[in-house]
């Protein structure tokens, strides 16, 4: 019971000081990190829309490029990994995809990833 009371007191104290100007940036950073991690672990409900959007690119790129993209974009975690490896800097990221294909694929998957602007 003592641990529970201490936990409640810590939560109350945190709620009182979280908006303080010196603490607020740290709290915002922690919240952003937690939310980003949560989005990666929970499957996004709109994620099923991604496959048809990728298939719509059929005439715009080579078949092996489209097969490569669809094989690497099965889950939200895979999509985030693909984004981090190929879409952060399209010109410098080595890949089997052409720069045009990367640009098109990255445009399609952008709404499905958490983009960091830090």
Protein backbone atom coordinates (compact mmCIF):
# COMPACT_ATOMS: atom_id res chain seq x y z
CA UNK A 1 0.00 0.00 0.00
CA UNK A 2 2.93 2.30 0.77
CA UNK A 3 4.29 1.90 -2.80
CA UNK A 4 0.89 2.78 -4.24
CA UNK A 5 0.67 5.98 -2.16
CA UNK A 6 4.20 6.97 -3.19
CA UNK A 7 3.33 6.33 -6.86
CA UNK A 8 0.22 8.51 -6.58
CA UNK A 9 2.25 11.29 -4.94
CA UNK A 10 4.86 11.12 -7.71
CA UNK A 11 2.16 11.33 -10.37
CA UNK A 12 0.54 14.31 -8.64
CA UNK A 13 3.91 16.08 -8.32
CA UNK A 14 4.66 15.39 -11.98
CA UNK A 15 1.28 16.81 -13.04
CA UNK A 16 2.01 19.98 -11.08
CA UNK A 17 5.47 20.67 -12.57
CA UNK A 18 5.15 19.31 -16.12
CA UNK A 19 4.29 22.72 -17.58
CA UNK A 20 7.25 24.46 -15.96
CA UNK A 21 9.42 26.11 -18.67
CA UNK A 22 12.55 24.20 -17.73
CA UNK A 23 10.83 20.81 -17.61
CA UNK A 24 8.36 21.15 -20.52
CA UNK A 25 10.88 20.43 -23.33
CA UNK A 26 11.93 17.19 -21.65
CA UNK A 27 8.34 16.12 -21.11
CA UNK A 28 7.51 16.89 -24.76
CA UNK A 29 10.51 14.89 -25.92
CA UNK A 30 9.53 11.91 -23.79
CA UNK A 31 5.92 12.06 -25.01
CA UNK A 32 7.02 12.26 -28.66
CA UNK A 33 9.35 9.27 -28.22
CA UNK A 34 6.65 7.20 -26.54
CA UNK A 35 4.10 8.04 -29.23
CA UNK A 36 6.56 7.24 -32.04
CA UNK A 37 7.36 3.86 -30.49
CA UNK A 38 3.68 3.13 -29.95
CA UNK A 39 2.92 3.85 -33.60
CA UNK A 40 5.62 1.39 -34.67
CA UNK A 41 4.35 -1.41 -32.47
CA UNK A 42 0.65 -1.02 -33.23
CA UNK A 43 -0.51 -1.90 -36.72
CA UNK A 44 -2.06 1.12 -38.42
CA UNK A 45 -5.67 0.57 -39.51
CA UNK A 46 -5.09 2.40 -42.80
CA UNK A 47 -2.06 0.22 -43.54
CA UNK A 48 -4.17 -2.13 -45.70
CA UNK A 49 -4.58 0.76 -48.17
CA UNK A 50 -0.87 0.74 -48.92
CA UNK A 51 -0.78 -2.34 -51.19
CA UNK A 52 -3.32 -0.99 -53.73
CA UNK A 53 -1.51 2.36 -53.77
CA UNK A 54 1.76 0.61 -54.53
CA UNK A 55 0.12 -1.48 -57.24
CA UNK A 56 -1.08 1.75 -58.85
CA UNK A 57 2.60 2.49 -59.59
CA UNK A 58 2.80 -0.48 -61.99
CA UNK A 59 3.20 1.58 -65.16
CA UNK A 60 5.60 4.07 -63.61
CA UNK A 61 8.47 1.76 -62.66
CA UNK A 62 10.12 -1.52 -63.55
CA UNK A 63 8.47 -4.73 -62.38
CA UNK A 64 11.44 -5.83 -60.24
CA UNK A 65 11.37 -2.48 -58.45
CA UNK A 66 7.69 -2.84 -57.64
CA UNK A 67 8.21 -6.44 -56.45
CA UNK A 68 11.10 -5.29 -54.25
CA UNK A 69 8.97 -2.53 -52.72
CA UNK A 70 5.92 -4.70 -52.04
CA UNK A 71 8.07 -7.44 -50.52
CA UNK A 72 9.69 -4.93 -48.13
CA UNK A 73 6.50 -3.07 -47.15
CA UNK A 74 4.41 -5.72 -45.42
CA UNK A 75 4.03 -4.21 -41.93
CA UNK A 76 4.20 -0.79 -40.31
CA UNK A 77 7.61 -1.62 -38.82
CA UNK A 78 8.97 -2.73 -42.21
CA UNK A 79 7.60 0.42 -43.81
CA UNK A 80 9.29 2.61 -41.20
CA UNK A 81 12.57 0.74 -41.74
CA UNK A 82 12.27 1.15 -45.53
CA UNK A 83 11.59 4.88 -45.01
CA UNK A 84 14.61 5.31 -42.75
CA UNK A 85 16.92 3.47 -45.16
CA UNK A 86 15.69 4.80 -48.51
CA UNK A 87 13.67 7.98 -48.14
CA UNK A 88 15.69 10.17 -45.78
CA UNK A 89 18.19 11.07 -48.49
CA UNK A 90 17.13 9.56 -51.80
CA UNK A 91 20.32 10.50 -53.66
CA UNK A 92 22.71 8.94 -51.15
CA UNK A 93 20.84 5.80 -50.10
CA UNK A 94 22.21 2.78 -51.99
CA UNK A 95 19.48 0.48 -53.22
CA UNK A 96 18.30 -1.71 -56.08
CA UNK A 97 15.73 0.98 -56.79
CA UNK A 98 16.29 3.90 -59.11
CA UNK A 99 16.02 7.41 -57.71
CA UNK A 100 12.72 7.89 -59.56
CA UNK A 101 11.27 4.68 -58.08
CA UNK A 102 12.40 5.67 -54.59
CA UNK A 103 10.80 9.08 -55.01
CA UNK A 104 7.48 7.55 -56.10
CA UNK A 105 7.46 4.88 -53.39
CA UNK A 106 8.45 7.36 -50.68
CA UNK A 107 5.62 9.66 -51.76
CA UNK A 108 3.16 6.77 -51.37
CA UNK A 109 4.40 5.58 -47.97
CA UNK A 110 4.94 9.03 -46.41
CA UNK A 111 1.50 9.09 -44.67
CA UNK A 112 2.21 5.68 -43.12
CA UNK A 113 5.46 6.52 -41.32
CA UNK A 114 6.46 8.79 -38.50
CA UNK A 115 8.69 11.36 -40.11
CA UNK A 116 11.31 12.89 -37.81
CA UNK A 117 12.32 16.46 -38.54
CA UNK A 118 14.92 16.67 -35.76
